[in-house]
Structures are given as structure tokens and as C-alpha cells.
Amino acid sequence: MGASKNNLFTERQNRLAEMAKALAHPARIAILEELVSSGTCACGDIVDKLPLSQSTISQHLKAMKNAGIIKGEVDGVFRCYCVDVEECARLMVAFRSLFTCC
């Protein structure tokens, strides 16, 4: 959807769609699972555990970071990533609210 149509929807709807899009790839789910299980990871650690190239994993990490699902910081020559627990908690609440019966 073009950016010009986003104004037709609520901020909550746009935010939820943005986060869902950031998770809409099996590699991103695998990366998220790895981050959850390890607590924090350098990009190279994820590359060692998944059957994807470093550049592909970096692209997925960037999309997830831009959506706010994960946080990242530079530690020397390494980029370390972790789950943004507060943002993911808000995401879980938003998804649950979609499926509650009236």
C-alpha cells in the first residue's frame, strides 16, 4: 500500500501492520527465536546458526530493527542485537486484541 493511503487507517492499525510485515518472513522468525533464546547476539553468531549469508541476515536484522522489534548497538566492529521486550509486549497485546470476541 502506498504511503498516501496510510492516513485512512488508525495509528494502531498502521503500527501493527508495520510490525507484522517485519515478521512476515520465516528467516525473521528464526532470527527472532535465536535472539530470544540467546538474550543477545552479534550478527556473526546468527550467521553461524542459520543457513543464510551474512548480508541476508543483516538485511533482515535491519528491517526488524526499523520496525522496533529488536534493538542493536555497535560494540567495536560487531553489531549486537537483542529483542526490544517492551515493544514486543505491546505487539503481543495488539495481536491479542485483534482476536478477542466482542
C-alpha atoms as a PDB file:
ATOM      1  CA  MET A   1       0.000   0.000   0.000  1.00  0.00           C
ATOM      2  CA  GLY A   2       1.305   3.418  -0.882  1.00  0.00           C
ATOM      3  CA  ALA A   3       2.149   5.835   1.899  1.00  0.00           C
ATOM      4  CA  SER A   4      -0.662   8.111   0.747  1.00  0.00           C
ATOM      5  CA  LYS A   5      -3.251   5.526   1.890  1.00  0.00           C
ATOM      6  CA  ASN A   6      -1.883   5.111   5.415  1.00  0.00           C
ATOM      7  CA  ASN A   7      -3.813   8.155   6.578  1.00  0.00           C
ATOM      8  CA  LEU A   8      -7.045   6.204   6.040  1.00  0.00           C
ATOM      9  CA  PHE A   9      -6.205   3.953   8.992  1.00  0.00           C
ATOM     10  CA  THR A  10      -5.550   4.476  12.673  1.00  0.00           C
ATOM     11  CA  GLU A  11      -2.069   4.829  14.083  1.00  0.00           C
ATOM     12  CA  ARG A  12      -2.558   1.483  15.868  1.00  0.00           C
ATOM     13  CA  GLN A  13      -3.557  -0.251  12.619  1.00  0.00           C
ATOM     14  CA  ASN A  14      -0.571   1.199  10.766  1.00  0.00           C
ATOM     15  CA  ARG A  15       1.841   0.277  13.557  1.00  0.00           C
ATOM     16  CA  LEU A  16       0.519  -3.278  13.838  1.00  0.00           C
ATOM     17  CA  ALA A  17       0.768  -3.734  10.056  1.00  0.00           C
ATOM     18  CA  GLU A  18       4.339  -2.418  10.068  1.00  0.00           C
ATOM     19  CA  MET A  19       5.387  -4.857  12.785  1.00  0.00           C
ATOM     20  CA  ALA A  20       3.549  -7.771  11.170  1.00  0.00           C
ATOM     21  CA  LYS A  21       5.315  -7.010   7.890  1.00  0.00           C
ATOM     22  CA  ALA A  22       8.652  -7.019   9.705  1.00  0.00           C
ATOM     23  CA  LEU A  23       7.915 -10.553  10.937  1.00  0.00           C
ATOM     24  CA  ALA A  24       6.425 -11.846   7.691  1.00  0.00           C
ATOM     25  CA  HIS A  25       9.369 -13.984   6.651  1.00  0.00           C
ATOM     26  CA  PRO A  26      10.472 -17.343   8.067  1.00  0.00           C
ATOM     27  CA  ALA A  27      14.089 -16.149   8.309  1.00  0.00           C
ATOM     28  CA  ARG A  28      12.994 -13.281  10.553  1.00  0.00           C
ATOM     29  CA  ILE A  29      11.076 -15.676  12.774  1.00  0.00           C
ATOM     30  CA  ALA A  30      14.201 -17.856  13.011  1.00  0.00           C
ATOM     31  CA  ILE A  31      16.325 -14.804  13.842  1.00  0.00           C
ATOM     32  CA  LEU A  32      13.839 -13.689  16.486  1.00  0.00           C
ATOM     33  CA  GLU A  33      13.811 -17.168  18.016  1.00  0.00           C
ATOM     34  CA  GLU A  34      17.604 -17.098  18.158  1.00  0.00           C
ATOM     35  CA  LEU A  35      17.619 -13.684  19.810  1.00  0.00           C
ATOM     36  CA  VAL A  36      15.002 -14.769  22.353  1.00  0.00           C
ATOM     37  CA  SER A  37      16.885 -17.951  23.246  1.00  0.00           C
ATOM     38  CA  SER A  38      20.301 -16.303  23.496  1.00  0.00           C
ATOM     39  CA  GLY A  39      19.269 -12.968  25.019  1.00  0.00           C
ATOM     40  CA  THR A  40      21.581 -11.030  22.745  1.00  0.00           C
ATOM     41  CA  CYS A  41      23.596 -11.871  19.636  1.00  0.00           C
ATOM     42  CA  ALA A  42      26.182 -10.498  17.300  1.00  0.00           C
ATOM     43  CA  CYS A  43      25.226 -10.743  13.648  1.00  0.00           C
ATOM     44  CA  GLY A  44      28.052 -13.263  13.119  1.00  0.00           C
ATOM     45  CA  ASP A  45      26.583 -15.559  15.788  1.00  0.00           C
ATOM     46  CA  ILE A  46      23.289 -15.642  13.916  1.00  0.00           C
ATOM     47  CA  VAL A  47      25.101 -16.295  10.626  1.00  0.00           C
ATOM     48  CA  ASP A  48      26.779 -19.308  12.246  1.00  0.00           C
ATOM     49  CA  LYS A  49      23.416 -20.773  13.266  1.00  0.00           C
ATOM     50  CA  LEU A  50      21.230 -20.117  10.219  1.00  0.00           C
ATOM     51  CA  PRO A  51      21.669 -21.252   6.609  1.00  0.00           C
ATOM     52  CA  LEU A  52      21.780 -17.697   5.273  1.00  0.00           C
ATOM     53  CA  SER A  53      24.536 -15.357   4.166  1.00  0.00           C
ATOM     54  CA  GLN A  54      25.733 -12.530   6.388  1.00  0.00           C
ATOM     55  CA  SER A  55      24.329  -9.904   4.025  1.00  0.00           C
ATOM     56  CA  THR A  56      20.892 -11.568   4.002  1.00  0.00           C
ATOM     57  CA  ILE A  57      20.804 -11.769   7.797  1.00  0.00           C
ATOM     58  CA  SER A  58      21.917  -8.128   8.015  1.00  0.00           C
ATOM     59  CA  GLN A  59      19.019  -7.091   5.751  1.00  0.00           C
ATOM     60  CA  HIS A  60      16.534  -8.984   7.919  1.00  0.00           C
ATOM     61  CA  LEU A  61      18.003  -7.529  11.115  1.00  0.00           C
ATOM     62  CA  LYS A  62      17.744  -4.023   9.649  1.00  0.00           C
ATOM     63  CA  ALA A  63      14.061  -4.490   8.774  1.00  0.00           C
ATOM     64  CA  MET A  64      13.300  -5.841  12.247  1.00  0.00           C
ATOM     65  CA  LYS A  65      15.244  -3.016  13.897  1.00  0.00           C
ATOM     66  CA  ASN A  66      13.491  -0.372  11.790  1.00  0.00           C
ATOM     67  CA  ALA A  67      10.141  -1.807  12.886  1.00  0.00           C
ATOM     68  CA  GLY A  68      11.231  -1.657  16.524  1.00  0.00           C
ATOM     69  CA  ILE A  69      11.081  -5.381  17.220  1.00  0.00           C
ATOM     70  CA  ILE A  70      14.772  -5.565  18.045  1.00  0.00           C
ATOM     71  CA  LYS A  71      17.423  -3.136  19.235  1.00  0.00           C
ATOM     72  CA  GLY A  72      21.009  -3.030  18.079  1.00  0.00           C
ATOM     73  CA  GLU A  73      24.192  -1.349  19.112  1.00  0.00           C
ATOM     74  CA  VAL A  74      27.749  -1.210  17.877  1.00  0.00           C
ATOM     75  CA  ASP A  75      30.339  -2.942  20.039  1.00  0.00           C
ATOM     76  CA  GLY A  76      33.675  -2.317  18.345  1.00  0.00           C
ATOM     77  CA  VAL A  77      33.486  -3.986  14.946  1.00  0.00           C
ATOM     78  CA  PHE A  78      30.439  -6.042  15.969  1.00  0.00           C
ATOM     79  CA  ARG A  79      26.764  -5.195  15.899  1.00  0.00           C
ATOM     80  CA  CYS A  80      24.936  -6.741  18.821  1.00  0.00           C
ATOM     81  CA  TYR A  81      21.182  -7.234  18.735  1.00  0.00           C
ATOM     82  CA  CYS A  82      18.526  -8.055  21.294  1.00  0.00           C
ATOM     83  CA  VAL A  83      14.744  -8.206  21.410  1.00  0.00           C
ATOM     84  CA  ASP A  84      13.014  -4.958  22.381  1.00  0.00           C
ATOM     85  CA  VAL A  85      10.993  -6.540  25.169  1.00  0.00           C
ATOM     86  CA  GLU A  86       8.713  -3.553  25.758  1.00  0.00           C
ATOM     87  CA  GLU A  87       7.858  -3.158  22.080  1.00  0.00           C
ATOM     88  CA  CYS A  88       7.254  -6.884  21.665  1.00  0.00           C
ATOM     89  CA  ALA A  89       4.955  -6.859  24.699  1.00  0.00           C
ATOM     90  CA  ARG A  90       2.925  -4.089  23.032  1.00  0.00           C
ATOM     91  CA  LEU A  91       2.878  -6.143  19.824  1.00  0.00           C
ATOM     92  CA  MET A  92       1.520  -9.186  21.680  1.00  0.00           C
ATOM     93  CA  VAL A  93      -1.225  -7.091  23.275  1.00  0.00           C
ATOM     94  CA  ALA A  94      -2.152  -5.613  19.895  1.00  0.00           C
ATOM     95  CA  PHE A  95      -2.351  -9.050  18.248  1.00  0.00           C
ATOM     96  CA  ARG A  96      -4.429 -10.435  21.127  1.00  0.00           C
ATOM     97  CA  SER A  97      -6.848  -7.531  20.786  1.00  0.00           C
ATOM     98  CA  LEU A  98      -7.446  -8.477  17.146  1.00  0.00           C
ATOM     99  CA  PHE A  99      -8.733 -11.881  18.155  1.00  0.00           C
ATOM    100  CA  THR A 100     -10.844 -11.115  21.198  1.00  0.00           C
ATOM    101  CA  CYS A 101     -14.522 -11.762  20.799  1.00  0.00           C
ATOM    102  CA  CYS A 102     -16.973  -8.956  21.431  1.00  0.00           C
END
